[in-house]
């Protein structure tokens, strides 16, 4: 009976720990997507410009030769 109670408490602690890690990773991943800058090159004028990962996720894209081609406007 004591072993069952200890096992039950350990299961609850493990669940709370797992939930905490999932919440922590969600916050970290969200913060990183706002902070990471990706440099892109315009295929028309050839100038480079940067966008955050969060901004890039909103752009339309298509698959060209097994590579993603994002359709965004050049700021220049």
PDB file of N, CA and C in Angstrom:
ATOM      1  N   UNK A   1       0.807  -1.183   0.000  1.00  0.00           N
ATOM      2  CA  UNK A   1       0.000   0.000   0.000  1.00  0.00           C
ATOM      3  C   UNK A   1       0.860   1.259   0.000  1.00  0.00           C
ATOM      4  N   UNK A   2       1.921   1.252   0.762  1.00  0.00           N
ATOM      5  CA  UNK A   2       2.825   2.396   0.794  1.00  0.00           C
ATOM      6  C   UNK A   2       3.513   2.573  -0.568  1.00  0.00           C
ATOM      7  N   UNK A   3       3.847   1.462  -1.202  1.00  0.00           N
ATOM      8  CA  UNK A   3       4.505   1.524  -2.516  1.00  0.00           C
ATOM      9  C   UNK A   3       3.559   2.113  -3.551  1.00  0.00           C
ATOM     10  N   UNK A   4       2.281   1.767  -3.499  1.00  0.00           N
ATOM     11  CA  UNK A   4       1.302   2.332  -4.436  1.00  0.00           C
ATOM     12  C   UNK A   4       1.144   3.829  -4.242  1.00  0.00           C
ATOM     13  N   UNK A   5       1.168   4.286  -2.999  1.00  0.00           N
ATOM     14  CA  UNK A   5       1.052   5.713  -2.730  1.00  0.00           C
ATOM     15  C   UNK A   5       2.278   6.467  -3.233  1.00  0.00           C
ATOM     16  N   UNK A   6       3.456   5.891  -3.023  1.00  0.00           N
ATOM     17  CA  UNK A   6       4.690   6.517  -3.522  1.00  0.00           C
ATOM     18  C   UNK A   6       4.677   6.565  -5.047  1.00  0.00           C
ATOM     19  N   UNK A   7       4.250   5.471  -5.690  1.00  0.00           N
ATOM     20  CA  UNK A   7       4.183   5.434  -7.158  1.00  0.00           C
ATOM     21  C   UNK A   7       3.186   6.465  -7.679  1.00  0.00           C
ATOM     22  N   UNK A   8       2.066   6.616  -6.984  1.00  0.00           N
ATOM     23  CA  UNK A   8       1.068   7.592  -7.396  1.00  0.00           C
ATOM     24  C   UNK A   8       1.617   9.011  -7.296  1.00  0.00           C
ATOM     25  N   UNK A   9       2.310   9.323  -6.228  1.00  0.00           N
ATOM     26  CA  UNK A   9       2.907  10.647  -6.057  1.00  0.00           C
ATOM     27  C   UNK A   9       3.967  10.896  -7.128  1.00  0.00           C
ATOM     28  N   UNK A  10       4.777   9.893  -7.437  1.00  0.00           N
ATOM     29  CA  UNK A  10       5.811  10.044  -8.464  1.00  0.00           C
ATOM     30  C   UNK A  10       5.200  10.270  -9.839  1.00  0.00           C
ATOM     31  N   UNK A  11       4.078   9.610 -10.136  1.00  0.00           N
ATOM     32  CA  UNK A  11       3.395   9.829 -11.420  1.00  0.00           C
ATOM     33  C   UNK A  11       2.892  11.267 -11.527  1.00  0.00           C
ATOM     34  N   UNK A  12       2.333  11.769 -10.437  1.00  0.00           N
ATOM     35  CA  UNK A  12       1.832  13.149 -10.438  1.00  0.00           C
ATOM     36  C   UNK A  12       2.984  14.129 -10.622  1.00  0.00           C
ATOM     37  N   UNK A  13       4.093  13.892  -9.936  1.00  0.00           N
ATOM     38  CA  UNK A  13       5.264  14.766 -10.078  1.00  0.00           C
ATOM     39  C   UNK A  13       5.811  14.715 -11.497  1.00  0.00           C
ATOM     40  N   UNK A  14       5.855  13.516 -12.090  1.00  0.00           N
ATOM     41  CA  UNK A  14       6.348  13.378 -13.465  1.00  0.00           C
ATOM     42  C   UNK A  14       5.441  14.125 -14.441  1.00  0.00           C
ATOM     43  N   UNK A  15       4.130  14.044 -14.237  1.00  0.00           N
ATOM     44  CA  UNK A  15       3.198  14.744 -15.123  1.00  0.00           C
ATOM     45  C   UNK A  15       3.378  16.258 -15.012  1.00  0.00           C
ATOM     46  N   UNK A  16       3.494  16.765 -13.783  1.00  0.00           N
ATOM     47  CA  UNK A  16       3.692  18.201 -13.591  1.00  0.00           C
ATOM     48  C   UNK A  16       5.011  18.647 -14.214  1.00  0.00           C
ATOM     49  N   UNK A  17       6.045  17.841 -14.075  1.00  0.00           N
ATOM     50  CA  UNK A  17       7.354  18.155 -14.652  1.00  0.00           C
ATOM     51  C   UNK A  17       7.271  18.186 -16.182  1.00  0.00           C
ATOM     52  N   UNK A  18       6.592  17.201 -16.775  1.00  0.00           N
ATOM     53  CA  UNK A  18       6.438  17.155 -18.231  1.00  0.00           C
ATOM     54  C   UNK A  18       5.655  18.362 -18.725  1.00  0.00           C
ATOM     55  N   UNK A  19       4.577  18.708 -18.039  1.00  0.00           N
ATOM     56  CA  UNK A  19       3.783  19.865 -18.417  1.00  0.00           C
ATOM     57  C   UNK A  19       4.608  21.149 -18.319  1.00  0.00           C
ATOM     58  N   UNK A  20       5.418  21.260 -17.281  1.00  0.00           N
ATOM     59  CA  UNK A  20       6.282  22.427 -17.124  1.00  0.00           C
ATOM     60  C   UNK A  20       7.290  22.560 -18.252  1.00  0.00           C
ATOM     61  N   UNK A  21       7.898  21.449 -18.659  1.00  0.00           N
ATOM     62  CA  UNK A  21       8.859  21.481 -19.757  1.00  0.00           C
ATOM     63  C   UNK A  21       8.190  21.855 -21.072  1.00  0.00           C
ATOM     64  N   UNK A  22       6.989  21.343 -21.322  1.00  0.00           N
ATOM     65  CA  UNK A  22       6.290  21.691 -22.560  1.00  0.00           C
ATOM     66  C   UNK A  22       5.967  23.182 -22.586  1.00  0.00           C
ATOM     67  N   UNK A  23       5.540  23.726 -21.466  1.00  0.00           N
ATOM     68  CA  UNK A  23       5.255  25.153 -21.387  1.00  0.00           C
ATOM     69  C   UNK A  23       6.520  25.976 -21.580  1.00  0.00           C
ATOM     70  N   UNK A  24       7.608  25.565 -20.949  1.00  0.00           N
ATOM     71  CA  UNK A  24       8.887  26.263 -21.080  1.00  0.00           C
ATOM     72  C   UNK A  24       9.371  26.255 -22.532  1.00  0.00           C
ATOM     73  N   UNK A  25       9.317  25.103 -23.188  1.00  0.00           N
ATOM     74  CA  UNK A  25       9.781  25.017 -24.580  1.00  0.00           C
ATOM     75  C   UNK A  25       8.901  25.841 -25.514  1.00  0.00           C
ATOM     76  N   UNK A  26       7.615  25.899 -25.233  1.00  0.00           N
ATOM     77  CA  UNK A  26       6.730  26.732 -26.043  1.00  0.00           C
ATOM     78  C   UNK A  26       7.098  28.200 -25.936  1.00  0.00           C
ATOM     79  N   UNK A  27       7.413  28.666 -24.755  1.00  0.00           N
ATOM     80  CA  UNK A  27       7.803  30.068 -24.549  1.00  0.00           C
ATOM     81  C   UNK A  27       9.139  30.350 -25.222  1.00  0.00           C
ATOM     82  N   UNK A  28      10.099  29.436 -25.075  1.00  0.00           N
ATOM     83  CA  UNK A  28      11.429  29.625 -25.672  1.00  0.00           C
ATOM     84  C   UNK A  28      11.338  29.632 -27.195  1.00  0.00           C
ATOM     85  N   UNK A  29      10.588  28.694 -27.771  1.00  0.00           N
ATOM     86  CA  UNK A  29      10.471  28.634 -29.232  1.00  0.00           C
ATOM     87  C   UNK A  29       9.778  29.889 -29.772  1.00  0.00           C
ATOM     88  N   UNK A  30       8.780  30.387 -29.069  1.00  0.00           N
ATOM     89  CA  UNK A  30       8.092  31.596 -29.494  1.00  0.00           C
ATOM     90  C   UNK A  30       9.042  32.790 -29.464  1.00  0.00           C
ATOM     91  N   UNK A  31       9.855  32.891 -28.424  1.00  0.00           N
ATOM     92  CA  UNK A  31      10.810  33.993 -28.319  1.00  0.00           C
ATOM     93  C   UNK A  31      11.883  33.900 -29.396  1.00  0.00           C
ATOM     94  N   UNK A  32      12.319  32.692 -29.700  1.00  0.00           N
ATOM     95  CA  UNK A  32      13.363  32.534 -30.720  1.00  0.00           C
ATOM     96  C   UNK A  32      12.845  32.896 -32.099  1.00  0.00           C
ATOM     97  N   UNK A  33      11.581  32.568 -32.388  1.00  0.00           N
ATOM     98  CA  UNK A  33      11.070  32.875 -33.726  1.00  0.00           C
ATOM     99  C   UNK A  33      10.976  34.384 -33.949  1.00  0.00           C
ATOM    100  N   UNK A  34      10.854  35.165 -32.877  1.00  0.00           N
ATOM    101  CA  UNK A  34      10.838  36.619 -33.025  1.00  0.00           C
ATOM    102  C   UNK A  34      12.246  37.190 -33.123  1.00  0.00           C
ATOM    103  N   UNK A  35      13.229  36.492 -32.556  1.00  0.00           N
ATOM    104  CA  UNK A  35      14.586  37.033 -32.474  1.00  0.00           C
ATOM    105  C   UNK A  35      15.474  36.612 -33.640  1.00  0.00           C
ATOM    106  N   UNK A  36      15.228  35.470 -34.240  1.00  0.00           N
ATOM    107  CA  UNK A  36      16.105  34.955 -35.293  1.00  0.00           C
ATOM    108  C   UNK A  36      15.877  35.738 -36.578  1.00  0.00           C
ATOM    109  N   UNK A  37      16.949  36.284 -37.111  1.00  0.00           N
ATOM    110  CA  UNK A  37      16.877  37.027 -38.378  1.00  0.00           C
ATOM    111  C   UNK A  37      17.448  36.157 -39.494  1.00  0.00           C
ATOM    112  N   UNK A  38      16.781  36.173 -40.614  1.00  0.00           N
ATOM    113  CA  UNK A  38      17.207  35.423 -41.792  1.00  0.00           C
ATOM    114  C   UNK A  38      17.477  36.430 -42.896  1.00  0.00           C
ATOM    115  N   UNK A  39      18.626  36.273 -43.531  1.00  0.00           N
ATOM    116  CA  UNK A  39      18.980  37.172 -44.629  1.00  0.00           C
ATOM    117  C   UNK A  39      18.487  36.580 -45.941  1.00  0.00           C
ATOM    118  N   UNK A  40      17.774  37.382 -46.714  1.00  0.00           N
ATOM    119  CA  UNK A  40      17.235  36.972 -48.012  1.00  0.00           C
ATOM    120  C   UNK A  40      17.842  37.849 -49.100  1.00  0.00           C
ATOM    121  N   UNK A  41      17.845  37.325 -50.303  1.00  0.00           N
ATOM    122  CA  UNK A  41      18.376  38.086 -51.434  1.00  0.00           C
ATOM    123  C   UNK A  41      17.289  38.198 -52.491  1.00  0.00           C
ATOM    124  N   UNK A  42      17.063  39.419 -52.938  1.00  0.00           N
ATOM    125  CA  UNK A  42      16.051  39.673 -53.955  1.00  0.00           C
ATOM    126  C   UNK A  42      16.525  39.117 -55.290  1.00  0.00           C
ATOM    127  N   UNK A  43      15.661  38.387 -55.961  1.00  0.00           N
ATOM    128  CA  UNK A  43      16.087  37.815 -57.245  1.00  0.00           C
ATOM    129  C   UNK A  43      15.983  38.814 -58.382  1.00  0.00           C
ATOM    130  N   UNK A  44      15.335  39.972 -58.158  1.00  0.00           N
ATOM    131  CA  UNK A  44      15.228  40.985 -59.208  1.00  0.00           C
ATOM    132  C   UNK A  44      16.360  41.999 -59.128  1.00  0.00           C
ATOM    133  N   UNK A  45      16.559  42.596 -57.951  1.00  0.00           N
ATOM    134  CA  UNK A  45      17.579  43.644 -57.839  1.00  0.00           C
ATOM    135  C   UNK A  45      18.880  43.132 -57.223  1.00  0.00           C
ATOM    136  N   UNK A  46      18.860  41.957 -56.579  1.00  0.00           N
ATOM    137  CA  UNK A  46      20.068  41.363 -56.026  1.00  0.00           C
ATOM    138  C   UNK A  46      20.477  41.884 -54.660  1.00  0.00           C
ATOM    139  N   UNK A  47      19.714  42.793 -54.073  1.00  0.00           N
ATOM    140  CA  UNK A  47      20.075  43.326 -52.761  1.00  0.00           C
ATOM    141  C   UNK A  47      19.606  42.384 -51.657  1.00  0.00           C
ATOM    142  N   UNK A  48      20.373  42.361 -50.579  1.00  0.00           N
ATOM    143  CA  UNK A  48      20.031  41.509 -49.449  1.00  0.00           C
ATOM    144  C   UNK A  48      19.237  42.309 -48.415  1.00  0.00           C
ATOM    145  N   UNK A  49      18.320  41.631 -47.741  1.00  0.00           N
ATOM    146  CA  UNK A  49      17.542  42.237 -46.672  1.00  0.00           C
ATOM    147  C   UNK A  49      17.210  41.153 -45.659  1.00  0.00           C
ATOM    148  N   UNK A  50      16.886  41.571 -44.447  1.00  0.00           N
ATOM    149  CA  UNK A  50      16.635  40.591 -43.392  1.00  0.00           C
ATOM    150  C   UNK A  50      15.175  40.622 -42.966  1.00  0.00           C
ATOM    151  N   UNK A  51      14.694  39.468 -42.570  1.00  0.00           N
ATOM    152  CA  UNK A  51      13.354  39.303 -42.023  1.00  0.00           C
ATOM    153  C   UNK A  51      13.464  38.374 -40.823  1.00  0.00           C
ATOM    154  N   UNK A  52      12.546  38.512 -39.874  1.00  0.00           N
ATOM    155  CA  UNK A  52      12.539  37.590 -38.739  1.00  0.00           C
ATOM    156  C   UNK A  52      11.856  36.291 -39.148  1.00  0.00           C
ATOM    157  N   UNK A  53      12.133  35.268 -38.392  1.00  0.00           N
ATOM    158  CA  UNK A  53      11.544  33.967 -38.686  1.00  0.00           C
ATOM    159  C   UNK A  53      10.026  34.039 -38.612  1.00  0.00           C
ATOM    160  N   UNK A  54       9.514  34.819 -37.692  1.00  0.00           N
ATOM    161  CA  UNK A  54       8.060  34.971 -37.544  1.00  0.00           C
ATOM    162  C   UNK A  54       7.452  35.595 -38.795  1.00  0.00           C
ATOM    163  N   UNK A  55       8.128  36.597 -39.379  1.00  0.00           N
ATOM    164  CA  UNK A  55       7.623  37.241 -40.589  1.00  0.00           C
ATOM    165  C   UNK A  55       7.652  36.284 -41.774  1.00  0.00           C
ATOM    166  N   UNK A  56       8.685  35.466 -41.851  1.00  0.00           N
ATOM    167  CA  UNK A  56       8.821  34.533 -42.968  1.00  0.00           C
ATOM    168  C   UNK A  56       7.731  33.476 -42.926  1.00  0.00           C
ATOM    169  N   UNK A  57       7.318  33.070 -41.733  1.00  0.00           N
ATOM    170  CA  UNK A  57       6.268  32.054 -41.619  1.00  0.00           C
ATOM    171  C   UNK A  57       4.944  32.533 -42.210  1.00  0.00           C
ATOM    172  N   UNK A  58       4.744  33.841 -42.319  1.00  0.00           N
ATOM    173  CA  UNK A  58       3.494  34.392 -42.850  1.00  0.00           C
ATOM    174  C   UNK A  58       3.498  34.515 -44.368  1.00  0.00           C
ATOM    175  N   UNK A  59       4.664  34.439 -45.001  1.00  0.00           N
ATOM    176  CA  UNK A  59       4.763  34.597 -46.449  1.00  0.00           C
ATOM    177  C   UNK A  59       4.237  33.365 -47.170  1.00  0.00           C
ATOM    178  N   UNK A  60       3.752  33.587 -48.388  1.00  0.00           N
ATOM    179  CA  UNK A  60       3.386  32.466 -49.247  1.00  0.00           C
ATOM    180  C   UNK A  60       4.663  31.870 -49.826  1.00  0.00           C
ATOM    181  N   UNK A  61       4.626  30.570 -50.100  1.00  0.00           N
ATOM    182  CA  UNK A  61       5.808  29.912 -50.652  1.00  0.00           C
ATOM    183  C   UNK A  61       5.393  28.816 -51.616  1.00  0.00           C
ATOM    184  N   UNK A  62       6.343  28.391 -52.404  1.00  0.00           N
ATOM    185  CA  UNK A  62       6.130  27.254 -53.299  1.00  0.00           C
ATOM    186  C   UNK A  62       7.414  26.441 -53.348  1.00  0.00           C
ATOM    187  N   UNK A  63       7.284  25.196 -53.716  1.00  0.00           N
ATOM    188  CA  UNK A  63       8.434  24.297 -53.777  1.00  0.00           C
ATOM    189  C   UNK A  63       9.014  24.327 -55.187  1.00  0.00           C
ATOM    190  N   UNK A  64      10.284  24.732 -55.296  1.00  0.00           N
ATOM    191  CA  UNK A  64      10.959  24.791 -56.587  1.00  0.00           C
ATOM    192  C   UNK A  64      12.266  24.020 -56.460  1.00  0.00           C
ATOM    193  N   UNK A  65      12.411  22.949 -57.203  1.00  0.00           N
ATOM    194  CA  UNK A  65      13.612  22.105 -57.169  1.00  0.00           C
ATOM    195  C   UNK A  65      13.978  21.695 -55.739  1.00  0.00           C
ATOM    196  N   UNK A  66      12.980  21.203 -55.012  1.00  0.00           N
ATOM    197  CA  UNK A  66      13.143  20.748 -53.620  1.00  0.00           C
ATOM    198  C   UNK A  66      13.643  21.844 -52.680  1.00  0.00           C
ATOM    199  N   UNK A  67      13.405  23.090 -53.018  1.00  0.00           N
ATOM    200  CA  UNK A  67      13.740  24.211 -52.146  1.00  0.00           C
ATOM    201  C   UNK A  67      12.517  25.119 -52.045  1.00  0.00           C
ATOM    202  N   UNK A  68      12.357  25.731 -50.884  1.00  0.00           N
ATOM    203  CA  UNK A  68      11.233  26.640 -50.701  1.00  0.00           C
ATOM    204  C   UNK A  68      11.548  27.989 -51.331  1.00  0.00           C
ATOM    205  N   UNK A  69      10.636  28.479 -52.148  1.00  0.00           N
ATOM    206  CA  UNK A  69      10.764  29.808 -52.741  1.00  0.00           C
ATOM    207  C   UNK A  69       9.690  30.683 -52.107  1.00  0.00           C
ATOM    208  N   UNK A  70      10.121  31.612 -51.256  1.00  0.00           N
ATOM    209  CA  UNK A  70       9.182  32.494 -50.578  1.00  0.00           C
ATOM    210  C   UNK A  70       8.810  33.655 -51.475  1.00  0.00           C
ATOM    211  N   UNK A  71       7.564  34.047 -51.432  1.00  0.00           N
ATOM    212  CA  UNK A  71       7.074  35.155 -52.234  1.00  0.00           C
ATOM    213  C   UNK A  71       6.855  36.340 -51.304  1.00  0.00           C
ATOM    214  N   UNK A  72       7.861  37.190 -51.206  1.00  0.00           N
ATOM    215  CA  UNK A  72       7.745  38.384 -50.389  1.00  0.00           C
ATOM    216  C   UNK A  72       8.269  39.567 -51.195  1.00  0.00           C
ATOM    217  N   UNK A  73       7.871  40.743 -50.777  1.00  0.00           N
ATOM    218  CA  UNK A  73       8.280  41.948 -51.488  1.00  0.00           C
ATOM    219  C   UNK A  73       9.617  42.464 -50.962  1.00  0.00           C
ATOM    220  N   UNK A  74      10.445  42.886 -51.869  1.00  0.00           N
ATOM    221  CA  UNK A  74      11.743  43.470 -51.507  1.00  0.00           C
ATOM    222  C   UNK A  74      11.490  44.887 -50.980  1.00  0.00           C
ATOM    223  N   UNK A  75      12.075  45.265 -49.848  1.00  0.00           N
ATOM    224  CA  UNK A  75      11.852  46.611 -49.323  1.00  0.00           C
ATOM    225  C   UNK A  75      12.565  47.706 -50.089  1.00  0.00           C
ATOM    226  N   UNK A  76      13.411  47.376 -51.065  1.00  0.00           N
ATOM    227  CA  UNK A  76      14.169  48.392 -51.798  1.00  0.00           C
ATOM    228  C   UNK A  76      13.482  48.787 -53.076  1.00  0.00           C
TER     229      UNK A  76
END
